[in-house]
N, C-alpha and C. Protein backbone atom coordinates (compact mmCIF):
# COMPACT_ATOMS: atom_id res chain seq x y z
N MET A 1 123.22 262.33 170.53
CA MET A 1 121.93 262.08 171.46
C MET A 1 121.28 261.01 171.33
N LYS A 2 120.99 260.32 170.26
CA LYS A 2 120.51 259.14 169.76
C LYS A 2 121.37 257.69 170.41
N LYS A 3 122.52 258.06 170.68
CA LYS A 3 123.45 257.01 171.35
C LYS A 3 123.09 257.02 172.77
N SER A 4 123.13 258.07 173.32
CA SER A 4 122.80 257.91 174.79
C SER A 4 121.29 257.54 175.15
N VAL A 5 120.52 257.75 174.27
CA VAL A 5 118.96 257.11 174.46
C VAL A 5 119.28 255.72 174.43
N LEU A 6 119.93 255.33 173.36
CA LEU A 6 120.03 253.71 173.01
C LEU A 6 120.65 253.19 174.28
N ILE A 7 121.62 253.74 174.83
CA ILE A 7 122.52 253.11 176.01
C ILE A 7 121.46 253.12 177.00
N THR A 8 120.71 254.11 177.26
CA THR A 8 119.78 254.25 178.56
C THR A 8 118.87 253.17 178.37
N LEU A 9 118.23 252.96 177.05
CA LEU A 9 117.10 252.00 177.02
C LEU A 9 117.72 250.37 177.14
N VAL A 10 118.89 250.03 176.71
CA VAL A 10 119.51 248.81 176.99
C VAL A 10 119.73 248.74 178.49
N ALA A 11 120.24 249.89 179.07
CA ALA A 11 120.38 249.59 180.60
C ALA A 11 119.19 249.40 181.30
N ILE A 12 118.34 249.99 180.75
CA ILE A 12 116.92 249.89 181.65
C ILE A 12 116.40 248.48 181.38
N VAL A 13 116.72 248.06 180.05
CA VAL A 13 116.14 246.67 179.88
C VAL A 13 116.86 245.68 180.48
N LEU A 14 118.27 245.63 180.60
CA LEU A 14 119.11 244.88 181.44
C LEU A 14 118.86 244.80 182.95
N VAL A 15 118.78 246.02 183.72
CA VAL A 15 118.23 246.08 185.07
C VAL A 15 116.97 245.38 185.41
N THR A 16 115.86 245.47 184.31
CA THR A 16 114.59 244.95 184.47
C THR A 16 114.93 243.33 184.49
N PHE A 17 115.54 242.95 183.64
CA PHE A 17 115.71 241.72 183.42
C PHE A 17 116.34 241.00 184.74
N VAL A 18 117.39 241.78 185.32
CA VAL A 18 118.08 241.33 186.46
C VAL A 18 117.12 241.41 187.79
N VAL A 19 116.17 242.14 187.74
CA VAL A 19 115.31 242.54 189.10
C VAL A 19 114.30 241.38 188.74
N LEU A 20 113.73 241.27 187.69
CA LEU A 20 113.02 240.07 187.34
C LEU A 20 113.58 238.90 187.90
N PHE A 21 114.89 238.37 187.24
CA PHE A 21 115.40 237.01 187.56
C PHE A 21 115.50 237.08 189.02
N ALA A 22 115.87 238.04 189.93
CA ALA A 22 116.01 237.96 191.39
C ALA A 22 114.77 237.69 191.97
N VAL A 23 113.73 238.40 191.56
CA VAL A 23 112.12 237.94 192.09
C VAL A 23 112.06 236.56 191.78
N ILE A 24 112.03 236.02 190.68
CA ILE A 24 111.77 234.66 190.31
C ILE A 24 112.68 233.74 191.07
N ALA A 25 113.73 234.11 191.35
CA ALA A 25 114.94 233.12 191.80
C ALA A 25 114.25 233.02 193.48
N SER A 26 113.92 234.25 193.98
CA SER A 26 113.40 234.27 195.65
C SER A 26 112.28 233.70 195.62
N LYS A 27 111.31 233.70 194.95
CA LYS A 27 110.08 232.91 194.80
C LYS A 27 110.32 231.28 194.77
N GLY A 28 111.19 231.16 193.84
CA GLY A 28 111.39 229.70 193.86
C GLY A 28 112.11 229.17 195.10
N GLY A 29 113.10 229.82 195.76
CA GLY A 29 113.51 229.50 196.87
C GLY A 29 112.57 229.10 198.02
N GLU A 30 111.77 230.13 198.08
CA GLU A 30 110.54 230.05 198.99
C GLU A 30 109.84 228.77 199.11
N LYS A 31 109.74 228.25 197.51
CA LYS A 31 108.84 227.09 197.49
C LYS A 31 109.72 225.81 197.93
N LYS A 32 111.04 225.94 197.58
CA LYS A 32 111.94 224.76 197.99
C LYS A 32 111.93 224.66 199.57
N LEU A 33 112.01 225.72 200.05
CA LEU A 33 112.20 225.60 201.68
C LEU A 33 110.65 225.16 201.88
N GLY A 34 109.83 225.56 201.51
CA GLY A 34 108.33 225.11 202.01
C GLY A 34 108.21 223.25 201.47
N GLY A 35 108.89 222.84 200.57
CA GLY A 35 108.48 221.78 200.10
C GLY A 35 109.52 220.76 200.78
N SER A 36 110.52 221.21 201.44
CA SER A 36 111.54 220.39 202.07
C SER A 36 110.88 220.05 203.72
N SER A 37 110.21 220.85 203.91
CA SER A 37 109.60 220.88 205.41
C SER A 37 108.19 220.08 205.39
N SER A 38 107.85 219.52 204.25
CA SER A 38 106.50 218.95 204.21
C SER A 38 106.16 217.79 205.18
N GLY A 39 107.41 216.81 205.57
CA GLY A 39 107.01 215.94 206.49
C GLY A 39 106.76 216.48 207.82
N ALA A 40 107.27 217.70 208.13
CA ALA A 40 106.86 218.19 209.54
C ALA A 40 105.35 218.76 209.40
N ASP A 41 104.72 218.80 208.35
CA ASP A 41 103.32 219.16 208.46
C ASP A 41 102.37 217.77 208.61
N LEU A 42 103.17 216.70 208.54
CA LEU A 42 102.32 215.27 208.94
C LEU A 42 102.12 215.20 209.98
N THR A 43 100.80 214.69 210.36
CA THR A 43 100.59 214.09 211.81
C THR A 43 101.47 212.97 212.34
N PRO A 44 101.87 212.78 213.53
CA PRO A 44 102.45 211.65 213.70
C PRO A 44 101.67 210.25 213.33
N GLN A 45 100.27 210.39 213.39
CA GLN A 45 99.26 209.04 212.58
C GLN A 45 99.88 208.85 211.20
N GLN A 46 99.73 210.16 210.47
CA GLN A 46 100.22 209.97 209.14
C GLN A 46 101.91 209.41 208.84
N ARG A 47 102.50 209.92 209.53
CA ARG A 47 104.02 209.27 209.35
C ARG A 47 104.19 207.88 209.73
N GLY A 48 103.31 207.60 210.90
CA GLY A 48 103.11 206.09 211.16
C GLY A 48 102.86 205.39 210.00
N ASP A 49 101.58 205.81 209.36
CA ASP A 49 101.01 204.84 208.16
C ASP A 49 102.16 204.85 207.15
N ILE A 50 102.65 205.97 207.00
CA ILE A 50 103.81 206.11 205.95
C ILE A 50 105.14 204.97 206.11
N VAL A 51 105.41 205.08 207.42
CA VAL A 51 106.58 204.39 207.99
C VAL A 51 106.18 202.54 207.63
N LYS A 52 104.73 202.36 208.18
CA LYS A 52 104.24 200.96 208.42
C LYS A 52 104.37 200.65 206.89
N GLU A 53 103.73 201.13 205.99
CA GLU A 53 103.33 200.73 204.55
C GLU A 53 104.73 200.35 204.07
N HIS A 54 105.84 201.11 204.34
CA HIS A 54 107.28 201.00 203.81
C HIS A 54 107.87 199.60 204.37
N HIS A 55 107.76 199.29 205.66
CA HIS A 55 108.25 198.16 206.03
C HIS A 55 107.40 196.95 205.74
N LEU A 56 106.20 197.22 205.42
CA LEU A 56 105.26 196.09 204.80
C LEU A 56 105.63 195.62 203.58
N GLU A 57 106.22 196.81 202.76
CA GLU A 57 106.74 196.44 201.27
C GLU A 57 108.03 195.86 201.30
N LEU A 58 109.11 196.23 202.25
CA LEU A 58 110.33 195.73 202.34
C LEU A 58 110.11 194.25 202.75
N SER A 59 109.12 194.19 203.60
CA SER A 59 108.99 192.74 204.32
C SER A 59 108.57 191.64 203.16
N LYS A 60 107.73 191.99 202.15
CA LYS A 60 107.16 191.27 201.07
C LYS A 60 108.23 190.86 200.14
N LYS A 61 109.43 191.87 200.12
CA LYS A 61 110.26 191.53 198.94
C LYS A 61 111.44 190.92 199.41
N ASP A 62 111.93 190.53 200.75
CA ASP A 62 112.92 190.31 201.44
C ASP A 62 113.13 188.78 201.17
N THR A 63 114.17 188.47 200.76
CA THR A 63 114.44 186.79 200.63
C THR A 63 115.45 186.46 201.54
N ARG A 64 116.28 187.31 202.16
CA ARG A 64 117.33 187.30 203.13
C ARG A 64 116.67 187.20 204.46
N PHE A 65 117.48 186.35 205.33
CA PHE A 65 117.11 186.43 206.85
C PHE A 65 118.45 185.89 207.46
N ASN A 66 118.50 186.35 208.74
CA ASN A 66 119.65 185.98 209.71
C ASN A 66 119.13 184.68 210.33
N GLY A 67 120.33 183.95 210.71
CA GLY A 67 119.71 182.62 211.42
C GLY A 67 121.15 182.08 212.22
N VAL A 68 120.69 180.86 212.85
CA VAL A 68 122.25 180.42 213.53
C VAL A 68 122.16 179.04 212.81
N VAL A 69 123.38 178.48 212.58
CA VAL A 69 123.48 177.16 212.01
C VAL A 69 123.40 176.17 213.13
N GLY A 70 122.56 175.12 212.99
CA GLY A 70 122.28 174.28 213.99
C GLY A 70 123.38 172.92 213.54
N SER A 71 122.70 171.93 213.06
CA SER A 71 123.51 170.74 212.64
C SER A 71 123.90 170.97 211.29
N VAL A 72 125.15 170.48 210.96
CA VAL A 72 125.70 170.35 209.68
C VAL A 72 126.09 169.03 208.99
N THR A 73 125.33 168.48 208.10
CA THR A 73 125.45 167.34 207.65
C THR A 73 125.92 167.23 206.23
N THR A 74 126.97 166.51 206.02
CA THR A 74 127.54 166.07 204.81
C THR A 74 127.16 164.84 203.96
N PRO A 75 126.21 164.74 202.98
CA PRO A 75 125.97 163.65 202.41
C PRO A 75 127.24 162.97 201.74
N LYS A 76 127.10 161.73 201.51
CA LYS A 76 128.55 161.04 200.96
C LYS A 76 128.15 161.04 199.45
N GLY A 77 129.64 161.30 198.92
CA GLY A 77 129.73 161.61 197.27
C GLY A 77 129.56 162.68 196.67
N VAL A 78 128.76 163.56 197.50
CA VAL A 78 128.60 165.14 196.78
C VAL A 78 129.03 166.30 197.38
N ASN A 79 129.16 167.32 196.77
CA ASN A 79 130.00 168.39 197.24
C ASN A 79 128.66 169.37 198.01
N VAL A 80 128.01 168.85 198.87
CA VAL A 80 126.87 169.70 199.48
C VAL A 80 126.84 169.60 200.83
N LYS A 81 126.45 170.50 201.60
CA LYS A 81 126.30 170.53 202.99
C LYS A 81 124.78 170.87 203.08
N ILE A 82 124.17 169.93 204.10
CA ILE A 82 122.79 170.41 204.52
C ILE A 82 122.89 171.05 205.80
N LEU A 83 122.47 172.10 205.97
CA LEU A 83 122.38 172.85 207.29
C LEU A 83 120.81 172.76 207.89
N GLU A 84 120.89 172.70 209.27
CA GLU A 84 119.67 173.11 209.84
C GLU A 84 119.71 174.55 210.26
N ILE A 85 119.11 175.61 210.16
CA ILE A 85 119.13 176.89 210.55
C ILE A 85 118.15 177.34 211.29
N GLU A 86 118.07 177.78 212.26
CA GLU A 86 117.20 178.64 213.07
C GLU A 86 117.26 179.96 212.55
N GLY A 87 116.28 180.23 211.78
CA GLY A 87 116.10 181.74 211.21
C GLY A 87 115.35 182.56 211.95
N PHE A 88 115.29 183.80 211.81
CA PHE A 88 114.61 184.99 212.34
C PHE A 88 114.03 185.70 211.05
N ILE A 89 112.63 185.51 210.51
CA ILE A 89 112.38 186.23 209.50
C ILE A 89 111.06 187.44 210.03
N ASP A 90 110.75 188.46 209.31
CA ASP A 90 109.66 189.15 209.84
C ASP A 90 108.45 188.47 209.92
N ASP A 91 107.73 188.89 211.01
CA ASP A 91 106.36 188.33 211.05
C ASP A 91 105.61 189.11 210.51
N PHE A 92 105.10 189.10 209.40
CA PHE A 92 104.07 189.77 208.57
C PHE A 92 103.02 190.02 209.04
N GLU A 93 102.41 189.12 209.59
CA GLU A 93 100.88 189.34 210.25
C GLU A 93 101.20 190.16 211.62
N ALA A 94 102.01 190.15 212.34
CA ALA A 94 102.33 190.95 213.55
C ALA A 94 102.68 192.32 213.09
N LEU A 95 103.24 192.60 212.00
CA LEU A 95 103.84 193.92 211.31
C LEU A 95 102.63 194.53 210.87
N ARG A 96 101.69 193.75 210.12
CA ARG A 96 100.26 194.15 209.61
C ARG A 96 99.59 194.40 210.77
N ASN A 97 99.45 193.89 211.82
CA ASN A 97 98.51 194.36 213.15
C ASN A 97 98.99 195.32 213.70
N MET A 98 100.38 196.02 213.62
CA MET A 98 100.65 196.99 214.58
C MET A 98 100.09 198.43 214.18
N SER A 99 100.00 199.25 215.05
CA SER A 99 99.17 200.45 214.76
C SER A 99 100.21 201.45 214.21
N PRO A 100 99.80 202.31 213.54
CA PRO A 100 100.64 203.30 213.15
C PRO A 100 101.40 204.36 214.23
N GLU A 101 100.80 204.32 215.54
CA GLU A 101 101.38 204.88 216.54
C GLU A 101 102.87 204.12 216.82
N ASP A 102 102.96 203.00 216.80
CA ASP A 102 103.94 202.03 216.91
C ASP A 102 105.21 202.35 215.90
N PHE A 103 104.99 203.12 214.74
CA PHE A 103 105.80 203.56 213.95
C PHE A 103 106.25 204.96 213.95
N ALA A 104 105.84 205.57 214.98
CA ALA A 104 105.96 207.24 214.87
C ALA A 104 107.02 207.68 215.67
N GLY A 105 107.67 206.70 216.49
CA GLY A 105 108.96 207.12 217.00
C GLY A 105 110.24 207.33 216.23
N ASP A 106 111.33 207.45 216.81
CA ASP A 106 112.70 207.43 215.88
C ASP A 106 113.19 206.22 215.34
N SER A 107 112.87 205.25 216.24
CA SER A 107 113.24 203.88 215.38
C SER A 107 112.22 202.80 215.79
N VAL A 108 112.14 201.87 215.01
CA VAL A 108 110.93 200.99 214.74
C VAL A 108 111.61 199.57 215.02
N GLU A 109 111.08 198.68 215.79
CA GLU A 109 111.49 197.22 215.98
C GLU A 109 110.31 196.40 214.98
N VAL A 110 110.84 196.17 214.00
CA VAL A 110 110.07 195.02 213.41
C VAL A 110 110.05 193.70 213.78
N PRO A 111 108.79 193.43 214.05
CA PRO A 111 108.48 191.85 214.88
C PRO A 111 109.18 190.85 214.17
N THR A 112 109.86 189.82 214.62
CA THR A 112 110.11 188.73 213.90
C THR A 112 109.80 187.42 214.35
N MET A 113 109.76 186.38 213.70
CA MET A 113 109.46 185.06 214.32
C MET A 113 110.75 184.17 213.89
N LYS A 114 110.53 183.00 214.92
CA LYS A 114 111.70 182.06 214.73
C LYS A 114 111.21 180.55 213.73
N LYS A 115 111.96 180.39 212.75
CA LYS A 115 111.57 179.39 211.94
C LYS A 115 112.68 178.30 211.58
N THR A 116 112.45 177.08 211.77
CA THR A 116 113.87 176.30 211.29
C THR A 116 113.71 175.81 209.85
N PHE A 117 114.70 175.86 209.20
CA PHE A 117 114.88 175.50 207.80
C PHE A 117 116.07 174.44 207.62
N LYS A 118 115.82 173.72 206.64
CA LYS A 118 116.64 172.84 206.04
C LYS A 118 117.32 173.51 204.81
N VAL A 119 118.71 173.74 204.96
CA VAL A 119 119.22 174.59 203.75
C VAL A 119 120.52 173.64 203.40
N ALA A 120 120.25 173.53 201.64
CA ALA A 120 121.31 172.84 201.17
C ALA A 120 122.42 174.00 200.57
N ILE A 121 123.64 173.79 200.78
CA ILE A 121 124.70 174.67 200.39
C ILE A 121 125.46 173.60 199.33
N ASP A 122 125.60 174.38 198.18
CA ASP A 122 126.36 173.63 197.27
C ASP A 122 127.33 174.40 196.52
N GLU A 123 127.86 174.02 195.43
CA GLU A 123 128.95 174.73 194.69
C GLU A 123 128.43 175.82 193.84
N ASN A 124 127.33 176.31 193.89
CA ASN A 124 126.62 177.38 193.23
C ASN A 124 126.22 178.30 194.38
N THR A 125 126.21 178.12 195.56
CA THR A 125 125.91 178.98 196.61
C THR A 125 127.19 179.86 196.74
N LYS A 126 127.01 181.11 196.83
CA LYS A 126 128.14 182.17 196.69
C LYS A 126 128.46 182.26 198.41
N LEU A 127 129.62 182.09 198.78
CA LEU A 127 130.18 181.95 200.29
C LEU A 127 130.77 183.12 200.42
N ILE A 128 130.46 184.01 201.43
CA ILE A 128 130.97 185.24 201.99
C ILE A 128 131.15 184.87 203.53
N GLY A 129 132.54 185.17 203.67
CA GLY A 129 133.22 184.84 204.90
C GLY A 129 133.78 183.29 205.29
N PHE A 130 133.38 182.41 204.24
CA PHE A 130 133.96 181.16 204.30
C PHE A 130 134.96 180.72 203.14
N LYS A 131 136.02 179.97 203.56
CA LYS A 131 136.79 179.61 202.74
C LYS A 131 135.96 178.75 201.66
N ASP A 132 135.54 177.64 202.23
CA ASP A 132 134.75 176.64 201.26
C ASP A 132 133.63 175.99 202.19
N LEU A 133 133.02 174.93 201.59
CA LEU A 133 131.86 174.36 202.30
C LEU A 133 132.24 173.76 203.54
N GLY A 134 133.45 173.31 203.83
CA GLY A 134 133.97 172.71 204.99
C GLY A 134 134.36 173.39 206.00
N ASP A 135 134.04 174.89 205.68
CA ASP A 135 134.48 175.81 206.69
C ASP A 135 133.17 176.17 207.53
N ILE A 136 131.91 175.81 206.98
CA ILE A 136 130.69 176.07 207.85
C ILE A 136 130.40 175.15 208.84
N LYS A 137 130.45 175.91 210.14
CA LYS A 137 130.05 174.99 211.36
C LYS A 137 129.16 175.63 212.16
N SER A 138 128.49 174.40 213.22
CA SER A 138 127.51 174.55 213.92
C SER A 138 127.88 175.90 214.97
N GLY A 139 126.73 176.75 214.93
CA GLY A 139 126.94 177.81 215.98
C GLY A 139 127.02 178.83 215.25
N ASP A 140 127.49 178.94 213.75
CA ASP A 140 127.90 180.18 213.07
C ASP A 140 126.32 181.02 212.94
N GLN A 141 126.69 182.32 213.22
CA GLN A 141 125.44 183.26 212.90
C GLN A 141 125.76 183.60 211.67
N VAL A 142 124.68 183.64 210.70
CA VAL A 142 124.71 183.75 209.26
C VAL A 142 123.54 184.58 208.53
N MET A 143 123.62 185.11 207.48
CA MET A 143 122.68 185.70 206.82
C MET A 143 122.68 184.88 205.69
N ILE A 144 121.19 184.50 205.34
CA ILE A 144 121.09 183.52 204.19
C ILE A 144 120.20 184.30 202.95
N ASP A 145 120.47 184.09 201.96
CA ASP A 145 119.33 184.58 200.88
C ASP A 145 118.79 183.11 200.19
N ALA A 146 117.57 183.20 200.44
CA ALA A 146 116.77 182.08 199.97
C ALA A 146 116.39 181.88 198.36
N GLY A 147 116.70 183.14 198.02
CA GLY A 147 116.21 183.44 196.66
C GLY A 147 114.70 183.33 196.37
N GLN A 148 113.92 183.30 197.36
CA GLN A 148 112.48 183.26 197.30
C GLN A 148 112.05 183.67 198.99
N ASP A 149 110.65 183.64 199.09
CA ASP A 149 110.03 184.20 200.27
C ASP A 149 110.24 183.28 201.31
N PRO A 150 111.22 183.59 202.40
CA PRO A 150 111.27 182.37 203.54
C PRO A 150 110.25 182.10 204.17
N LYS A 151 109.36 183.06 203.97
CA LYS A 151 107.92 182.70 204.92
C LYS A 151 107.08 181.68 204.21
N LYS A 152 107.56 181.20 203.22
CA LYS A 152 106.70 180.20 202.39
C LYS A 152 107.47 178.69 202.09
N VAL A 153 108.46 178.83 202.66
CA VAL A 153 109.37 177.35 202.39
C VAL A 153 109.93 177.05 203.72
N GLU A 154 110.61 175.81 203.81
CA GLU A 154 111.21 175.24 204.87
C GLU A 154 112.38 174.59 204.32
N GLU A 155 112.51 174.31 203.16
CA GLU A 155 113.57 173.59 202.42
C GLU A 155 113.92 174.42 201.36
N PHE A 156 115.23 174.51 200.95
CA PHE A 156 115.78 175.56 199.80
C PHE A 156 117.34 175.04 199.80
N THR A 157 117.74 175.52 198.52
CA THR A 157 119.30 175.57 198.22
C THR A 157 119.46 177.09 198.34
N ALA A 158 120.45 177.53 199.16
CA ALA A 158 120.70 178.88 199.37
C ALA A 158 121.49 179.37 198.14
N ILE A 159 121.01 180.85 197.73
CA ILE A 159 121.82 181.57 196.89
C ILE A 159 123.00 181.90 197.37
N GLU A 160 123.00 182.37 198.53
CA GLU A 160 124.27 183.15 199.17
C GLU A 160 124.04 182.63 200.73
N ILE A 161 125.28 182.59 201.20
CA ILE A 161 125.51 182.59 202.75
C ILE A 161 126.69 183.48 203.20
N SER A 162 126.22 184.44 204.37
CA SER A 162 127.19 185.14 204.42
C SER A 162 127.46 184.99 206.14
N LEU A 163 128.95 184.72 206.57
CA LEU A 163 129.20 184.62 207.87
C LEU A 163 129.10 185.74 208.74
N ASN A 164 128.17 186.14 209.60
CA ASN A 164 128.10 187.33 210.39
C ASN A 164 128.85 187.36 211.88
N PHE A 165 128.91 186.09 212.22
CA PHE A 165 129.68 186.03 213.73
C PHE A 165 129.86 184.65 213.87
N ARG A 166 131.06 184.18 214.43
CA ARG A 166 131.50 183.02 214.65
C ARG A 166 132.14 182.96 216.33
N VAL A 167 131.54 182.14 216.96
CA VAL A 167 132.35 182.04 218.29
C VAL A 167 133.36 181.12 218.23
N GLN A 168 134.62 181.61 218.59
CA GLN A 168 135.69 181.00 218.66
C GLN A 168 136.03 179.82 219.64
């Protein structure tokens, strides 16, 4: 008789733990579902503000920009190319002046401005899509890493140059 009472008590305790675990698990699942849809609770204005701040932060940190190689000059006696590049960089002021509604859609076009740079390419510049310095040609569409904020400089030695497109 004592054995059956002990088995019954153990069974009741186990069933209680299983039920308690099931209740806790279902409550935790409801919180996760509610937490994942928190973006849906935001107004278009709030979503726009968040996206705008994100783009502003990215624009501040970006040292890379796209451009088109204009003239290519090779000074005598050194293994360096001087490129004139018409670059397209984020227009930080126009971006800052955009309203949150401009960022509320599915895609956002970040405003850019054109700027001409004199860029030195030397043996320390990482070449991507080029065999060597002599392979860089006028008209190449490139991605340049200035290693610094391109909004603040007009002349620099590139950290990296990548060939995006070349007209054959």
